[in-house]
C-alpha cells in the first residue's frame, strides 16, 4: 500500500459502519500496522489494526494476539518518544 490513508471505515458488531481516523502507520517486520481512533466519538481509545491481503483485497484486521499487540504498542511508544 503506497498511498497515505487518513481514515478507514470498519463494521462494528451490529454491522454498522464506523469511521476511524488514522493516528499513525507503523511498518514492523514487513507488516503494516495502523493505530486508529473513532472519528465521531469522544472516546480516544486507540485500536491497532493490521493490514492483510486476502484474495487480492486489502483488509484491516484488529490486532488481538497479546505478543503482537505488545510489539505494536512498544513501536508506537518509541515513535512518539522521538517526536
PDB file of N, CA and C in Angstrom:
ATOM      1  N   UNK A   1       0.852  -1.166   0.000  1.00  0.00           N
ATOM      2  CA  UNK A   1       0.000   0.000   0.000  1.00  0.00           C
ATOM      3  C   UNK A   1       0.897   1.227   0.000  1.00  0.00           C
ATOM      4  N   UNK A   2       0.771   2.067  -0.981  1.00  0.00           N
ATOM      5  CA  UNK A   2       1.648   3.214  -1.111  1.00  0.00           C
ATOM      6  C   UNK A   2       0.990   4.530  -0.748  1.00  0.00           C
ATOM      7  N   UNK A   3      -0.293   4.682  -1.008  1.00  0.00           N
ATOM      8  CA  UNK A   3      -0.935   5.954  -0.735  1.00  0.00           C
ATOM      9  C   UNK A   3      -1.183   6.114   0.757  1.00  0.00           C
ATOM     10  N   UNK A   4      -1.223   7.384   1.194  1.00  0.00           N
ATOM     11  CA  UNK A   4      -1.455   7.671   2.597  1.00  0.00           C
ATOM     12  C   UNK A   4      -2.935   7.506   2.921  1.00  0.00           C
ATOM     13  N   UNK A   5      -3.212   6.855   4.025  1.00  0.00           N
ATOM     14  CA  UNK A   5      -4.586   6.641   4.464  1.00  0.00           C
ATOM     15  C   UNK A   5      -4.835   7.525   5.676  1.00  0.00           C
ATOM     16  N   UNK A   6      -5.904   8.337   5.631  1.00  0.00           N
ATOM     17  CA  UNK A   6      -6.249   9.198   6.756  1.00  0.00           C
ATOM     18  C   UNK A   6      -7.418   8.655   7.563  1.00  0.00           C
ATOM     19  N   UNK A   7      -8.312   7.929   6.895  1.00  0.00           N
ATOM     20  CA  UNK A   7      -9.493   7.372   7.550  1.00  0.00           C
ATOM     21  C   UNK A   7      -9.738   5.960   7.034  1.00  0.00           C
ATOM     22  N   UNK A   8     -10.293   5.113   7.899  1.00  0.00           N
ATOM     23  CA  UNK A   8     -10.730   3.782   7.489  1.00  0.00           C
ATOM     24  C   UNK A   8     -12.140   3.575   8.026  1.00  0.00           C
ATOM     25  N   UNK A   9     -12.938   2.830   7.291  1.00  0.00           N
ATOM     26  CA  UNK A   9     -14.295   2.513   7.713  1.00  0.00           C
ATOM     27  C   UNK A   9     -14.370   1.025   8.012  1.00  0.00           C
ATOM     28  N   UNK A  10     -14.830   0.709   9.214  1.00  0.00           N
ATOM     29  CA  UNK A  10     -14.943  -0.673   9.657  1.00  0.00           C
ATOM     30  C   UNK A  10     -16.382  -0.956  10.057  1.00  0.00           C
ATOM     31  N   UNK A  11     -16.716  -2.220  10.169  1.00  0.00           N
ATOM     32  CA  UNK A  11     -18.046  -2.620  10.624  1.00  0.00           C
ATOM     33  C   UNK A  11     -17.975  -3.018  12.093  1.00  0.00           C
ATOM     34  N   UNK A  12     -18.944  -2.531  12.887  1.00  0.00           N
ATOM     35  CA  UNK A  12     -18.997  -2.931  14.287  1.00  0.00           C
ATOM     36  C   UNK A  12     -19.738  -4.256  14.437  1.00  0.00           C
ATOM     37  N   UNK A  13     -19.995  -4.660  15.676  1.00  0.00           N
ATOM     38  CA  UNK A  13     -20.629  -5.953  15.938  1.00  0.00           C
ATOM     39  C   UNK A  13     -22.001  -6.090  15.291  1.00  0.00           C
ATOM     40  N   UNK A  14     -22.724  -4.956  15.131  1.00  0.00           N
ATOM     41  CA  UNK A  14     -24.059  -4.988  14.527  1.00  0.00           C
ATOM     42  C   UNK A  14     -24.029  -4.804  13.013  1.00  0.00           C
ATOM     43  N   UNK A  15     -22.844  -4.659  12.442  1.00  0.00           N
ATOM     44  CA  UNK A  15     -22.734  -4.460  11.001  1.00  0.00           C
ATOM     45  C   UNK A  15     -22.855  -3.011  10.571  1.00  0.00           C
ATOM     46  N   UNK A  16     -22.823  -2.082  11.535  1.00  0.00           N
ATOM     47  CA  UNK A  16     -22.901  -0.654  11.242  1.00  0.00           C
ATOM     48  C   UNK A  16     -21.514  -0.129  10.906  1.00  0.00           C
ATOM     49  N   UNK A  17     -21.433   0.717   9.875  1.00  0.00           N
ATOM     50  CA  UNK A  17     -20.146   1.301   9.503  1.00  0.00           C
ATOM     51  C   UNK A  17     -19.721   2.347  10.529  1.00  0.00           C
ATOM     52  N   UNK A  18     -18.459   2.280  10.940  1.00  0.00           N
ATOM     53  CA  UNK A  18     -17.882   3.232  11.874  1.00  0.00           C
ATOM     54  C   UNK A  18     -16.592   3.747  11.253  1.00  0.00           C
ATOM     55  N   UNK A  19     -16.443   5.077  11.202  1.00  0.00           N
ATOM     56  CA  UNK A  19     -15.248   5.665  10.604  1.00  0.00           C
ATOM     57  C   UNK A  19     -14.204   5.935  11.688  1.00  0.00           C
ATOM     58  N   UNK A  20     -12.957   5.593  11.367  1.00  0.00           N
ATOM     59  CA  UNK A  20     -11.839   5.780  12.278  1.00  0.00           C
ATOM     60  C   UNK A  20     -10.797   6.677  11.624  1.00  0.00           C
ATOM     61  N   UNK A  21     -10.182   7.527  12.437  1.00  0.00           N
ATOM     62  CA  UNK A  21      -9.082   8.370  11.972  1.00  0.00           C
ATOM     63  C   UNK A  21      -7.769   7.638  12.227  1.00  0.00           C
ATOM     64  N   UNK A  22      -6.896   7.646  11.238  1.00  0.00           N
ATOM     65  CA  UNK A  22      -5.590   7.000  11.382  1.00  0.00           C
ATOM     66  C   UNK A  22      -4.658   7.952  12.123  1.00  0.00           C
ATOM     67  N   UNK A  23      -4.163   7.506  13.270  1.00  0.00           N
ATOM     68  CA  UNK A  23      -3.225   8.294  14.062  1.00  0.00           C
ATOM     69  C   UNK A  23      -1.829   8.172  13.467  1.00  0.00           C
ATOM     70  N   UNK A  24      -1.437   6.945  13.165  1.00  0.00           N
ATOM     71  CA  UNK A  24      -0.131   6.704  12.561  1.00  0.00           C
ATOM     72  C   UNK A  24      -0.102   5.323  11.920  1.00  0.00           C
ATOM     73  N   UNK A  25       0.874   5.146  11.062  1.00  0.00           N
ATOM     74  CA  UNK A  25       1.117   3.853  10.414  1.00  0.00           C
ATOM     75  C   UNK A  25       2.493   3.382  10.852  1.00  0.00           C
ATOM     76  N   UNK A  26       2.600   2.114  11.188  1.00  0.00           N
ATOM     77  CA  UNK A  26       3.869   1.528  11.599  1.00  0.00           C
ATOM     78  C   UNK A  26       4.203   0.364  10.682  1.00  0.00           C
ATOM     79  N   UNK A  27       5.433   0.304  10.219  1.00  0.00           N
ATOM     80  CA  UNK A  27       5.910  -0.838   9.438  1.00  0.00           C
ATOM     81  C   UNK A  27       6.827  -1.653  10.344  1.00  0.00           C
ATOM     82  N   UNK A  28       6.367  -2.838  10.713  1.00  0.00           N
ATOM     83  CA  UNK A  28       7.122  -3.692  11.631  1.00  0.00           C
ATOM     84  C   UNK A  28       7.269  -5.067  10.994  1.00  0.00           C
ATOM     85  N   UNK A  29       8.513  -5.480  10.818  1.00  0.00           N
ATOM     86  CA  UNK A  29       8.808  -6.803  10.257  1.00  0.00           C
ATOM     87  C   UNK A  29       8.004  -7.066   8.990  1.00  0.00           C
ATOM     88  N   UNK A  30       8.017  -6.095   8.083  1.00  0.00           N
ATOM     89  CA  UNK A  30       7.364  -6.176   6.772  1.00  0.00           C
ATOM     90  C   UNK A  30       5.841  -6.299   6.852  1.00  0.00           C
ATOM     91  N   UNK A  31       5.259  -5.876   7.973  1.00  0.00           N
ATOM     92  CA  UNK A  31       3.806  -5.854   8.139  1.00  0.00           C
ATOM     93  C   UNK A  31       3.399  -4.416   8.422  1.00  0.00           C
ATOM     94  N   UNK A  32       2.298  -3.969   7.795  1.00  0.00           N
ATOM     95  CA  UNK A  32       1.803  -2.619   8.020  1.00  0.00           C
ATOM     96  C   UNK A  32       0.738  -2.646   9.113  1.00  0.00           C
ATOM     97  N   UNK A  33       0.955  -1.810  10.138  1.00  0.00           N
ATOM     98  CA  UNK A  33       0.006  -1.666  11.237  1.00  0.00           C
ATOM     99  C   UNK A  33      -0.498  -0.227  11.248  1.00  0.00           C
ATOM    100  N   UNK A  34      -1.740  -0.055  11.643  1.00  0.00           N
ATOM    101  CA  UNK A  34      -2.334   1.269  11.734  1.00  0.00           C
ATOM    102  C   UNK A  34      -2.906   1.445  13.135  1.00  0.00           C
ATOM    103  N   UNK A  35      -2.606   2.579  13.757  1.00  0.00           N
ATOM    104  CA  UNK A  35      -3.206   2.935  15.036  1.00  0.00           C
ATOM    105  C   UNK A  35      -4.330   3.905  14.702  1.00  0.00           C
ATOM    106  N   UNK A  36      -5.557   3.559  15.104  1.00  0.00           N
ATOM    107  CA  UNK A  36      -6.726   4.360  14.743  1.00  0.00           C
ATOM    108  C   UNK A  36      -7.545   4.692  15.987  1.00  0.00           C
ATOM    109  N   UNK A  37      -8.322   5.792  15.880  1.00  0.00           N
ATOM    110  CA  UNK A  37      -9.277   6.173  16.923  1.00  0.00           C
ATOM    111  C   UNK A  37     -10.607   6.472  16.245  1.00  0.00           C
ATOM    112  N   UNK A  38     -11.725   6.259  16.952  1.00  0.00           N
ATOM    113  CA  UNK A  38     -13.034   6.570  16.358  1.00  0.00           C
ATOM    114  C   UNK A  38     -13.116   8.048  15.993  1.00  0.00           C
ATOM    115  N   UNK A  39     -13.610   8.355  14.790  1.00  0.00           N
ATOM    116  CA  UNK A  39     -13.653   9.732  14.302  1.00  0.00           C
ATOM    117  C   UNK A  39     -14.704  10.573  15.016  1.00  0.00           C
ATOM    118  N   UNK A  40     -15.894  10.024  15.209  1.00  0.00           N
ATOM    119  CA  UNK A  40     -17.004  10.827  15.703  1.00  0.00           C
ATOM    120  C   UNK A  40     -17.355  10.579  17.159  1.00  0.00           C
ATOM    121  N   UNK A  41     -16.488   9.965  17.904  1.00  0.00           N
ATOM    122  CA  UNK A  41     -16.771   9.697  19.307  1.00  0.00           C
ATOM    123  C   UNK A  41     -15.769  10.431  20.177  1.00  0.00           C
ATOM    124  N   UNK A  42     -16.189  10.737  21.403  1.00  0.00           N
ATOM    125  CA  UNK A  42     -15.301  11.402  22.348  1.00  0.00           C
ATOM    126  C   UNK A  42     -14.252  10.451  22.911  1.00  0.00           C
ATOM    127  N   UNK A  43     -14.520   9.168  22.808  1.00  0.00           N
ATOM    128  CA  UNK A  43     -13.581   8.169  23.306  1.00  0.00           C
ATOM    129  C   UNK A  43     -12.364   8.148  22.393  1.00  0.00           C
ATOM    130  N   UNK A  44     -11.196   8.275  22.989  1.00  0.00           N
ATOM    131  CA  UNK A  44      -9.979   8.264  22.178  1.00  0.00           C
ATOM    132  C   UNK A  44      -9.156   7.011  22.434  1.00  0.00           C
ATOM    133  N   UNK A  45      -9.842   5.906  22.707  1.00  0.00           N
ATOM    134  CA  UNK A  45      -9.139   4.646  22.896  1.00  0.00           C
ATOM    135  C   UNK A  45      -8.624   4.172  21.546  1.00  0.00           C
ATOM    136  N   UNK A  46      -7.322   4.033  21.452  1.00  0.00           N
ATOM    137  CA  UNK A  46      -6.712   3.643  20.185  1.00  0.00           C
ATOM    138  C   UNK A  46      -6.890   2.148  19.942  1.00  0.00           C
ATOM    139  N   UNK A  47      -6.994   1.809  18.677  1.00  0.00           N
ATOM    140  CA  UNK A  47      -7.114   0.425  18.243  1.00  0.00           C
ATOM    141  C   UNK A  47      -5.985   0.152  17.258  1.00  0.00           C
ATOM    142  N   UNK A  48      -5.331  -0.991  17.409  1.00  0.00           N
ATOM    143  CA  UNK A  48      -4.271  -1.387  16.478  1.00  0.00           C
ATOM    144  C   UNK A  48      -4.866  -2.315  15.427  1.00  0.00           C
ATOM    145  N   UNK A  49      -4.640  -1.967  14.166  1.00  0.00           N
ATOM    146  CA  UNK A  49      -5.108  -2.780  13.047  1.00  0.00           C
ATOM    147  C   UNK A  49      -3.917  -3.247  12.233  1.00  0.00           C
ATOM    148  N   UNK A  50      -4.044  -4.434  11.670  1.00  0.00           N
ATOM    149  CA  UNK A  50      -3.005  -4.973  10.791  1.00  0.00           C
ATOM    150  C   UNK A  50      -3.589  -5.052   9.388  1.00  0.00           C
ATOM    151  N   UNK A  51      -2.820  -4.621   8.398  1.00  0.00           N
ATOM    152  CA  UNK A  51      -3.251  -4.709   7.006  1.00  0.00           C
ATOM    153  C   UNK A  51      -2.868  -6.083   6.472  1.00  0.00           C
ATOM    154  N   UNK A  52      -3.880  -6.837   6.048  1.00  0.00           N
ATOM    155  CA  UNK A  52      -3.640  -8.161   5.473  1.00  0.00           C
ATOM    156  C   UNK A  52      -4.239  -8.200   4.077  1.00  0.00           C
ATOM    157  N   UNK A  53      -3.723  -9.098   3.274  1.00  0.00           N
ATOM    158  CA  UNK A  53      -4.210  -9.257   1.904  1.00  0.00           C
ATOM    159  C   UNK A  53      -4.870 -10.621   1.779  1.00  0.00           C
ATOM    160  N   UNK A  54      -6.115 -10.621   1.308  1.00  0.00           N
ATOM    161  CA  UNK A  54      -6.850 -11.870   1.127  1.00  0.00           C
ATOM    162  C   UNK A  54      -7.543 -11.817  -0.222  1.00  0.00           C
ATOM    163  N   UNK A  55      -7.239 -12.775  -1.066  1.00  0.00           N
ATOM    164  CA  UNK A  55      -7.822 -12.839  -2.410  1.00  0.00           C
ATOM    165  C   UNK A  55      -7.619 -11.533  -3.177  1.00  0.00           C
ATOM    166  N   UNK A  56      -6.433 -10.928  -3.010  1.00  0.00           N
ATOM    167  CA  UNK A  56      -6.104  -9.705  -3.726  1.00  0.00           C
ATOM    168  C   UNK A  56      -6.708  -8.442  -3.141  1.00  0.00           C
ATOM    169  N   UNK A  57      -7.426  -8.548  -2.031  1.00  0.00           N
ATOM    170  CA  UNK A  57      -8.033  -7.379  -1.395  1.00  0.00           C
ATOM    171  C   UNK A  57      -7.286  -7.024  -0.121  1.00  0.00           C
ATOM    172  N   UNK A  58      -7.250  -5.714   0.191  1.00  0.00           N
ATOM    173  CA  UNK A  58      -6.664  -5.243   1.434  1.00  0.00           C
ATOM    174  C   UNK A  58      -7.741  -5.246   2.514  1.00  0.00           C
ATOM    175  N   UNK A  59      -7.414  -5.851   3.652  1.00  0.00           N
ATOM    176  CA  UNK A  59      -8.350  -5.908   4.772  1.00  0.00           C
ATOM    177  C   UNK A  59      -7.655  -5.425   6.036  1.00  0.00           C
ATOM    178  N   UNK A  60      -8.379  -4.670   6.857  1.00  0.00           N
ATOM    179  CA  UNK A  60      -7.869  -4.255   8.158  1.00  0.00           C
ATOM    180  C   UNK A  60      -8.402  -5.223   9.205  1.00  0.00           C
ATOM    181  N   UNK A  61      -7.485  -5.817   9.964  1.00  0.00           N
ATOM    182  CA  UNK A  61      -7.841  -6.811  10.966  1.00  0.00           C
ATOM    183  C   UNK A  61      -7.346  -6.315  12.323  1.00  0.00           C
ATOM    184  N   UNK A  62      -8.200  -6.336  13.344  1.00  0.00           N
ATOM    185  CA  UNK A  62      -7.736  -5.921  14.676  1.00  0.00           C
ATOM    186  C   UNK A  62      -6.610  -6.830  15.167  1.00  0.00           C
ATOM    187  N   UNK A  63      -5.610  -6.220  15.788  1.00  0.00           N
ATOM    188  CA  UNK A  63      -4.518  -6.992  16.380  1.00  0.00           C
ATOM    189  C   UNK A  63      -5.028  -7.492  17.727  1.00  0.00           C
ATOM    190  N   UNK A  64      -5.112  -8.800  17.880  1.00  0.00           N
ATOM    191  CA  UNK A  64      -5.666  -9.377  19.104  1.00  0.00           C
ATOM    192  C   UNK A  64      -4.679 -10.250  19.865  1.00  0.00           C
ATOM    193  N   UNK A  65      -3.668 -10.779  19.166  1.00  0.00           N
ATOM    194  CA  UNK A  65      -2.676 -11.622  19.841  1.00  0.00           C
ATOM    195  C   UNK A  65      -1.839 -10.746  20.770  1.00  0.00           C
ATOM    196  N   UNK A  66      -1.705 -11.170  22.023  1.00  0.00           N
ATOM    197  CA  UNK A  66      -1.054 -10.347  23.038  1.00  0.00           C
ATOM    198  C   UNK A  66       0.386  -9.974  22.683  1.00  0.00           C
ATOM    199  N   UNK A  67       1.188 -10.926  22.203  1.00  0.00           N
ATOM    200  CA  UNK A  67       2.584 -10.631  21.861  1.00  0.00           C
ATOM    201  C   UNK A  67       2.674  -9.621  20.724  1.00  0.00           C
ATOM    202  N   UNK A  68       1.830  -9.784  19.729  1.00  0.00           N
ATOM    203  CA  UNK A  68       1.829  -8.868  18.590  1.00  0.00           C
ATOM    204  C   UNK A  68       1.368  -7.481  19.028  1.00  0.00           C
ATOM    205  N   UNK A  69       0.361  -7.426  19.894  1.00  0.00           N
ATOM    206  CA  UNK A  69      -0.140  -6.151  20.395  1.00  0.00           C
ATOM    207  C   UNK A  69       0.925  -5.426  21.206  1.00  0.00           C
ATOM    208  N   UNK A  70       1.679  -6.159  22.009  1.00  0.00           N
ATOM    209  CA  UNK A  70       2.776  -5.560  22.784  1.00  0.00           C
ATOM    210  C   UNK A  70       3.850  -5.007  21.859  1.00  0.00           C
ATOM    211  N   UNK A  71       4.188  -5.732  20.804  1.00  0.00           N
ATOM    212  CA  UNK A  71       5.192  -5.286  19.849  1.00  0.00           C
ATOM    213  C   UNK A  71       4.760  -3.979  19.184  1.00  0.00           C
ATOM    214  N   UNK A  72       3.500  -3.904  18.769  1.00  0.00           N
ATOM    215  CA  UNK A  72       2.976  -2.698  18.122  1.00  0.00           C
ATOM    216  C   UNK A  72       2.940  -1.545  19.120  1.00  0.00           C
ATOM    217  N   UNK A  73       2.516  -1.814  20.335  1.00  0.00           N
ATOM    218  CA  UNK A  73       2.449  -0.787  21.371  1.00  0.00           C
ATOM    219  C   UNK A  73       3.829  -0.209  21.673  1.00  0.00           C
ATOM    220  N   UNK A  74       4.823  -1.066  21.779  1.00  0.00           N
ATOM    221  CA  UNK A  74       6.189  -0.610  22.039  1.00  0.00           C
ATOM    222  C   UNK A  74       6.721   0.230  20.885  1.00  0.00           C
ATOM    223  N   UNK A  75       6.462  -0.180  19.656  1.00  0.00           N
ATOM    224  CA  UNK A  75       6.906   0.595  18.489  1.00  0.00           C
ATOM    225  C   UNK A  75       6.229   1.959  18.465  1.00  0.00           C
ATOM    226  N   UNK A  76       4.953   2.000  18.816  1.00  0.00           N
ATOM    227  CA  UNK A  76       4.200   3.259  18.864  1.00  0.00           C
ATOM    228  C   UNK A  76       4.798   4.195  19.915  1.00  0.00           C
ATOM    229  N   UNK A  77       5.088   3.662  21.098  1.00  0.00           N
ATOM    230  CA  UNK A  77       5.669   4.473  22.168  1.00  0.00           C
ATOM    231  C   UNK A  77       7.033   5.013  21.780  1.00  0.00           C
ATOM    232  N   UNK A  78       7.855   4.197  21.151  1.00  0.00           N
ATOM    233  CA  UNK A  78       9.179   4.644  20.703  1.00  0.00           C
ATOM    234  C   UNK A  78       9.041   5.749  19.669  1.00  0.00           C
ATOM    235  N   UNK A  79       8.127   5.590  18.733  1.00  0.00           N
ATOM    236  CA  UNK A  79       7.913   6.594  17.689  1.00  0.00           C
ATOM    237  C   UNK A  79       7.552   7.939  18.292  1.00  0.00           C
ATOM    238  N   UNK A  80       6.655   7.959  19.266  1.00  0.00           N
ATOM    239  CA  UNK A  80       6.202   9.222  19.826  1.00  0.00           C
ATOM    240  C   UNK A  80       7.136   9.778  20.880  1.00  0.00           C
ATOM    241  N   UNK A  81       8.058   8.972  21.421  1.00  0.00           N
ATOM    242  CA  UNK A  81       9.105   9.494  22.291  1.00  0.00           C
ATOM    243  C   UNK A  81      10.086  10.328  21.488  1.00  0.00           C
ATOM    244  N   UNK A  82      10.301   9.949  20.223  1.00  0.00           N
ATOM    245  CA  UNK A  82      11.256  10.638  19.361  1.00  0.00           C
ATOM    246  C   UNK A  82      10.735  11.986  18.894  1.00  0.00           C
ATOM    247  N   UNK A  83       9.423  12.184  18.882  1.00  0.00           N
ATOM    248  CA  UNK A  83       8.845  13.430  18.358  1.00  0.00           C
ATOM    249  C   UNK A  83       8.812  14.519  19.381  1.00  0.00           C
TER     250      UNK A  83
END
